Amino acid sequence: MIDPAPSHPTPFLLTTKLHRPRSAAVAVPRLRLLQQLSAGLRHPLTLIAAPAGYGKTTLINQWLDVVELPCAWLSLDESDGDSATFLAY
């Protein structure tokens, strides 16, 4: 017999974390960084790390606007540090 109640609670998931933010109406294109992102397609993973406010989201949005590739989006913050929550997303 299958137990209908899960043995651990399912984390509360916010669907807004799964949507790509809107592109900025006006942003300076950073051509060198956009080229580096495209070059990164040769590798299985590209990590973009910079302090808050340095334009990571803007850069990725600009890049996604010009490449014709499917994408998935997940926005994470400190409250998503639990591995069960991360895997649920």
N, C-alpha and C. Protein backbone atom coordinates (compact mmCIF):
# COMPACT_ATOMS: atom_id res chain seq x y z
N MET A 1 0.84 -1.17 0.00
CA MET A 1 0.00 0.00 0.00
C MET A 1 0.89 1.25 0.00
N ILE A 2 0.54 2.22 -0.80
CA ILE A 2 1.30 3.45 -0.91
C ILE A 2 0.77 4.46 0.09
N ASP A 3 1.69 5.03 0.87
CA ASP A 3 1.32 6.06 1.84
C ASP A 3 1.01 7.35 1.09
N PRO A 4 -0.22 7.90 1.19
CA PRO A 4 -0.58 9.10 0.45
C PRO A 4 0.12 10.36 0.96
N ALA A 5 0.58 10.35 2.20
CA ALA A 5 1.25 11.53 2.75
C ALA A 5 2.76 11.38 2.59
N PRO A 6 3.43 12.38 2.03
CA PRO A 6 4.89 12.27 1.90
C PRO A 6 5.54 12.24 3.28
N SER A 7 6.70 11.60 3.35
CA SER A 7 7.41 11.50 4.63
C SER A 7 8.08 12.80 5.03
N HIS A 8 8.25 13.72 4.10
CA HIS A 8 8.82 15.03 4.40
C HIS A 8 8.00 16.09 3.69
N PRO A 9 7.88 17.26 4.28
CA PRO A 9 7.06 18.31 3.64
C PRO A 9 7.66 18.80 2.33
N THR A 10 6.80 19.09 1.39
CA THR A 10 7.24 19.67 0.13
C THR A 10 7.48 21.15 0.34
N PRO A 11 8.63 21.67 -0.08
CA PRO A 11 8.89 23.10 0.12
C PRO A 11 7.92 23.96 -0.68
N PHE A 12 7.65 25.15 -0.15
CA PHE A 12 6.79 26.11 -0.84
C PHE A 12 7.59 26.70 -2.00
N LEU A 13 7.09 26.55 -3.22
CA LEU A 13 7.81 27.03 -4.41
C LEU A 13 7.16 28.29 -4.96
N LEU A 14 7.98 29.27 -5.26
CA LEU A 14 7.50 30.52 -5.85
C LEU A 14 7.71 30.47 -7.36
N THR A 15 6.63 30.53 -8.11
CA THR A 15 6.75 30.45 -9.57
C THR A 15 7.47 31.67 -10.14
N THR A 16 7.45 32.79 -9.43
CA THR A 16 8.15 33.98 -9.94
C THR A 16 9.65 33.76 -10.04
N LYS A 17 10.20 32.81 -9.28
CA LYS A 17 11.63 32.52 -9.36
C LYS A 17 11.99 31.79 -10.65
N LEU A 18 10.97 31.32 -11.37
CA LEU A 18 11.20 30.54 -12.59
C LEU A 18 11.01 31.36 -13.86
N HIS A 19 10.79 32.66 -13.72
CA HIS A 19 10.56 33.51 -14.88
C HIS A 19 11.72 34.47 -15.08
N ARG A 20 12.14 34.56 -16.32
CA ARG A 20 13.22 35.49 -16.67
C ARG A 20 12.72 36.92 -16.48
N PRO A 21 13.51 37.76 -15.81
CA PRO A 21 13.10 39.16 -15.64
C PRO A 21 13.07 39.89 -16.98
N ARG A 22 12.30 40.94 -17.03
CA ARG A 22 12.25 41.75 -18.26
C ARG A 22 13.61 42.40 -18.52
N SER A 23 13.91 42.55 -19.79
CA SER A 23 15.16 43.23 -20.18
C SER A 23 15.02 44.72 -19.89
N ALA A 24 16.12 45.33 -19.52
CA ALA A 24 16.13 46.77 -19.28
C ALA A 24 15.85 47.50 -20.58
N ALA A 25 15.07 48.56 -20.50
CA ALA A 25 14.73 49.32 -21.71
C ALA A 25 15.97 49.92 -22.35
N VAL A 26 16.85 50.46 -21.54
CA VAL A 26 18.09 51.06 -22.03
C VAL A 26 19.24 50.48 -21.22
N ALA A 27 20.16 49.85 -21.92
CA ALA A 27 21.34 49.30 -21.25
C ALA A 27 22.51 49.35 -22.22
N VAL A 28 23.68 49.58 -21.69
CA VAL A 28 24.89 49.63 -22.51
C VAL A 28 25.29 48.19 -22.83
N PRO A 29 25.36 47.84 -24.12
CA PRO A 29 25.79 46.48 -24.46
C PRO A 29 27.27 46.29 -24.16
N ARG A 30 27.59 45.24 -23.46
CA ARG A 30 28.99 44.94 -23.14
C ARG A 30 29.44 43.83 -24.07
N LEU A 31 29.91 44.25 -25.25
CA LEU A 31 30.20 43.33 -26.34
C LEU A 31 31.23 42.27 -25.97
N ARG A 32 32.28 42.65 -25.26
CA ARG A 32 33.31 41.67 -24.89
C ARG A 32 32.72 40.57 -24.01
N LEU A 33 31.88 40.96 -23.04
CA LEU A 33 31.28 39.96 -22.16
C LEU A 33 30.26 39.10 -22.90
N LEU A 34 29.52 39.71 -23.83
CA LEU A 34 28.58 38.94 -24.63
C LEU A 34 29.32 37.91 -25.49
N GLN A 35 30.46 38.30 -26.04
CA GLN A 35 31.27 37.36 -26.83
C GLN A 35 31.81 36.24 -25.95
N GLN A 36 32.21 36.57 -24.73
CA GLN A 36 32.71 35.54 -23.82
C GLN A 36 31.61 34.55 -23.45
N LEU A 37 30.39 35.04 -23.27
CA LEU A 37 29.28 34.12 -22.99
C LEU A 37 29.05 33.18 -24.16
N SER A 38 29.08 33.71 -25.36
CA SER A 38 28.89 32.85 -26.54
C SER A 38 30.02 31.84 -26.66
N ALA A 39 31.24 32.24 -26.37
CA ALA A 39 32.36 31.30 -26.40
C ALA A 39 32.19 30.22 -25.34
N GLY A 40 31.53 30.55 -24.27
CA GLY A 40 31.30 29.58 -23.21
C GLY A 40 30.37 28.45 -23.59
N LEU A 41 29.68 28.57 -24.72
CA LEU A 41 28.79 27.50 -25.17
C LEU A 41 29.56 26.22 -25.50
N ARG A 42 30.86 26.33 -25.68
CA ARG A 42 31.68 25.15 -25.95
C ARG A 42 31.90 24.30 -24.70
N HIS A 43 31.52 24.84 -23.55
CA HIS A 43 31.76 24.17 -22.27
C HIS A 43 30.43 23.79 -21.63
N PRO A 44 30.42 22.80 -20.73
CA PRO A 44 29.16 22.36 -20.13
C PRO A 44 28.57 23.36 -19.13
N LEU A 45 29.38 24.26 -18.58
CA LEU A 45 28.89 25.19 -17.57
C LEU A 45 29.66 26.50 -17.65
N THR A 46 28.93 27.60 -17.53
CA THR A 46 29.54 28.91 -17.43
C THR A 46 29.02 29.55 -16.15
N LEU A 47 29.91 29.99 -15.30
CA LEU A 47 29.54 30.63 -14.04
C LEU A 47 29.80 32.12 -14.15
N ILE A 48 28.79 32.90 -13.79
CA ILE A 48 28.93 34.35 -13.77
C ILE A 48 28.83 34.78 -12.31
N ALA A 49 29.89 35.36 -11.80
CA ALA A 49 29.94 35.77 -10.40
C ALA A 49 30.40 37.20 -10.30
N ALA A 50 29.66 38.01 -9.58
CA ALA A 50 30.02 39.41 -9.34
C ALA A 50 29.14 39.89 -8.19
N PRO A 51 29.57 40.94 -7.51
CA PRO A 51 28.74 41.48 -6.42
C PRO A 51 27.39 41.99 -6.93
N ALA A 52 26.49 42.19 -6.00
CA ALA A 52 25.16 42.72 -6.33
C ALA A 52 25.30 44.07 -7.01
N GLY A 53 24.49 44.28 -8.05
CA GLY A 53 24.48 45.56 -8.74
C GLY A 53 25.48 45.70 -9.87
N TYR A 54 26.21 44.64 -10.19
CA TYR A 54 27.22 44.73 -11.25
C TYR A 54 26.66 44.37 -12.63
N GLY A 55 25.38 44.05 -12.74
CA GLY A 55 24.75 43.85 -14.04
C GLY A 55 24.73 42.43 -14.56
N LYS A 56 24.79 41.45 -13.68
CA LYS A 56 24.77 40.04 -14.12
C LYS A 56 23.46 39.72 -14.84
N THR A 57 22.34 40.09 -14.25
CA THR A 57 21.03 39.82 -14.86
C THR A 57 20.88 40.56 -16.18
N THR A 58 21.32 41.82 -16.22
CA THR A 58 21.25 42.61 -17.45
C THR A 58 22.07 41.95 -18.55
N LEU A 59 23.27 41.51 -18.21
CA LEU A 59 24.14 40.86 -19.19
C LEU A 59 23.49 39.59 -19.74
N ILE A 60 23.00 38.75 -18.87
CA ILE A 60 22.38 37.49 -19.32
C ILE A 60 21.15 37.78 -20.17
N ASN A 61 20.35 38.76 -19.78
CA ASN A 61 19.18 39.11 -20.58
C ASN A 61 19.57 39.61 -21.96
N GLN A 62 20.62 40.46 -22.04
CA GLN A 62 21.09 40.93 -23.35
C GLN A 62 21.54 39.75 -24.21
N TRP A 63 22.25 38.84 -23.60
CA TRP A 63 22.75 37.69 -24.33
C TRP A 63 21.61 36.80 -24.82
N LEU A 64 20.65 36.54 -23.94
CA LEU A 64 19.51 35.70 -24.33
C LEU A 64 18.66 36.35 -25.42
N ASP A 65 18.68 37.68 -25.48
CA ASP A 65 17.94 38.39 -26.53
C ASP A 65 18.55 38.15 -27.91
N VAL A 66 19.86 37.85 -27.98
CA VAL A 66 20.50 37.72 -29.29
C VAL A 66 20.78 36.27 -29.69
N VAL A 67 20.91 35.37 -28.73
CA VAL A 67 21.13 33.96 -29.10
C VAL A 67 19.78 33.28 -29.29
N GLU A 68 19.74 32.37 -30.20
CA GLU A 68 18.48 31.66 -30.44
C GLU A 68 18.59 30.27 -29.83
N LEU A 69 18.55 30.24 -28.51
CA LEU A 69 18.67 29.00 -27.76
C LEU A 69 17.59 28.93 -26.70
N PRO A 70 17.13 27.73 -26.41
CA PRO A 70 16.18 27.61 -25.29
C PRO A 70 16.90 27.91 -23.98
N CYS A 71 16.17 28.41 -23.01
CA CYS A 71 16.81 28.70 -21.73
C CYS A 71 15.86 28.36 -20.59
N ALA A 72 16.42 28.17 -19.44
CA ALA A 72 15.66 27.99 -18.21
C ALA A 72 16.17 29.03 -17.23
N TRP A 73 15.30 29.52 -16.35
CA TRP A 73 15.69 30.57 -15.41
C TRP A 73 15.31 30.15 -14.01
N LEU A 74 16.23 30.32 -13.08
CA LEU A 74 15.95 30.10 -11.67
C LEU A 74 16.69 31.16 -10.88
N SER A 75 15.94 31.99 -10.17
CA SER A 75 16.52 33.01 -9.31
C SER A 75 16.64 32.45 -7.91
N LEU A 76 17.83 32.51 -7.34
CA LEU A 76 18.08 31.98 -6.00
C LEU A 76 18.49 33.09 -5.05
N ASP A 77 18.17 32.89 -3.78
CA ASP A 77 18.64 33.80 -2.73
C ASP A 77 19.00 32.98 -1.50
N GLU A 78 19.34 33.65 -0.39
CA GLU A 78 19.81 32.94 0.80
C GLU A 78 18.81 31.91 1.31
N SER A 79 17.53 32.16 1.15
CA SER A 79 16.51 31.24 1.68
C SER A 79 16.43 29.95 0.86
N ASP A 80 17.12 29.88 -0.27
CA ASP A 80 17.11 28.69 -1.12
C ASP A 80 18.33 27.81 -0.87
N GLY A 81 18.99 27.96 0.26
CA GLY A 81 20.19 27.21 0.57
C GLY A 81 19.94 25.75 0.89
N ASP A 82 18.70 25.39 1.17
CA ASP A 82 18.36 24.00 1.49
C ASP A 82 18.37 23.18 0.21
N SER A 83 19.05 22.04 0.23
CA SER A 83 19.17 21.23 -0.99
C SER A 83 17.81 20.69 -1.47
N ALA A 84 16.89 20.38 -0.55
CA ALA A 84 15.57 19.89 -0.96
C ALA A 84 14.80 20.96 -1.73
N THR A 85 14.90 22.21 -1.27
CA THR A 85 14.22 23.32 -1.97
C THR A 85 14.86 23.52 -3.35
N PHE A 86 16.17 23.53 -3.40
CA PHE A 86 16.86 23.71 -4.68
C PHE A 86 16.46 22.61 -5.67
N LEU A 87 16.47 21.36 -5.23
CA LEU A 87 16.12 20.26 -6.12
C LEU A 87 14.65 20.29 -6.52
N ALA A 88 13.79 20.80 -5.65
CA ALA A 88 12.36 20.90 -5.99
C ALA A 88 12.16 21.89 -7.14
N TYR A 89 12.92 22.98 -7.13
CA TYR A 89 12.82 23.93 -8.24
C TYR A 89 13.33 23.29 -9.50
